[in-house]
Amino acid sequence: MASMTIRNLDDDLKTLLRLRAARHGQSMEEEARSILRGALRADALSGQALVDSIRAMVTPHGGIELELPPRELQRDPPDFL
């Protein structure tokens, strides 16, 4: 596994990381890894994976029903000449 050093970390940020790690019952290193995993996984969501993720969030709350607007004929493009 690779190692990484983060320099010039604000004291306030380090304190917040330490407190968050304590709330989750893990080390600061493991909490930082967890934060990175979550952030990078969220970036990777696209297409069907994004749909599935949204569906998983709203299904426990009864889902969402959207009324689709009726389709209309496409308008002619403007004539700029």
Protein backbone atom coordinates (compact mmCIF):
# COMPACT_ATOMS: atom_id res chain seq x y z
CA MET A 1 0.00 0.00 0.00
CA ALA A 2 1.09 3.56 -0.64
CA SER A 3 1.70 6.20 1.99
CA MET A 4 0.93 9.89 1.78
CA THR A 5 1.96 12.84 3.94
CA ILE A 6 -0.18 15.95 4.11
CA ARG A 7 1.80 19.04 5.03
CA ASN A 8 0.57 22.44 6.25
CA LEU A 9 -2.70 21.06 7.62
CA ASP A 10 -4.52 23.73 9.62
CA ASP A 11 -4.74 23.02 13.34
CA ASP A 12 -8.52 23.55 13.23
CA LEU A 13 -8.89 21.02 10.41
CA LYS A 14 -6.77 18.48 12.28
CA THR A 15 -8.92 18.98 15.39
CA LEU A 16 -12.11 18.45 13.36
CA LEU A 17 -10.65 15.28 11.87
CA ARG A 18 -9.66 14.01 15.31
CA LEU A 19 -13.16 14.70 16.70
CA ARG A 20 -14.86 13.08 13.72
CA ALA A 21 -12.62 10.02 14.02
CA ALA A 22 -13.46 9.75 17.73
CA ARG A 23 -17.21 9.94 16.97
CA HIS A 24 -16.79 7.07 14.52
CA GLY A 25 -14.54 5.11 16.89
CA GLN A 26 -11.53 4.98 14.60
CA SER A 27 -8.10 6.50 14.15
CA MET A 28 -7.52 9.78 12.37
CA GLU A 29 -5.75 7.90 9.57
CA GLU A 30 -8.69 5.56 9.04
CA GLU A 31 -11.12 8.48 9.15
CA ALA A 32 -9.07 10.33 6.50
CA ARG A 33 -9.10 7.18 4.31
CA SER A 34 -12.85 6.89 4.78
CA ILE A 35 -13.37 10.53 3.77
CA LEU A 36 -11.19 10.09 0.67
CA ARG A 37 -13.00 6.86 -0.31
CA GLY A 38 -16.38 8.54 -0.02
CA ALA A 39 -15.34 11.66 -1.93
CA LEU A 40 -13.74 9.72 -4.76
CA ARG A 41 -16.60 7.23 -4.98
CA ALA A 42 -19.08 10.12 -5.28
CA ASP A 43 -17.10 11.54 -8.22
CA ALA A 44 -17.24 8.18 -9.97
CA LEU A 45 -21.05 8.07 -9.93
CA SER A 46 -22.46 8.59 -13.39
CA GLY A 47 -25.16 7.18 -15.58
CA GLN A 48 -26.90 4.13 -14.15
CA ALA A 49 -24.81 4.17 -10.96
CA LEU A 50 -26.03 7.71 -10.25
CA VAL A 51 -29.65 6.70 -10.88
CA ASP A 52 -29.28 3.71 -8.56
CA SER A 53 -27.70 5.89 -5.86
CA ILE A 54 -30.51 8.46 -6.02
CA ARG A 55 -33.15 5.72 -6.03
CA ALA A 56 -31.56 4.15 -2.92
CA MET A 57 -31.75 7.52 -1.13
CA VAL A 58 -35.40 8.29 -1.93
CA THR A 59 -37.00 4.82 -1.80
CA PRO A 60 -37.07 4.66 2.03
CA HIS A 61 -39.04 7.91 2.01
CA GLY A 62 -41.72 6.68 -0.38
CA GLY A 63 -39.95 7.46 -3.63
CA ILE A 64 -40.65 10.30 -6.01
CA GLU A 65 -43.33 10.43 -8.66
CA LEU A 66 -42.75 13.03 -11.35
CA GLU A 67 -45.37 14.03 -13.86
CA LEU A 68 -43.81 14.21 -17.29
CA PRO A 69 -44.92 17.13 -19.47
CA PRO A 70 -46.63 16.23 -22.73
CA ARG A 71 -44.42 16.10 -25.81
CA GLU A 72 -44.83 18.90 -28.30
CA LEU A 73 -43.70 19.32 -31.87
CA GLN A 74 -40.25 20.82 -32.23
CA ARG A 75 -40.29 24.49 -33.20
CA ASP A 76 -38.66 25.66 -36.39
CA PRO A 77 -35.22 27.22 -35.84
CA PRO A 78 -35.03 31.01 -36.19
CA ASP A 79 -34.07 32.44 -39.55
CA PHE A 80 -31.19 34.89 -39.09
CA LEU A 81 -30.93 35.92 -42.72
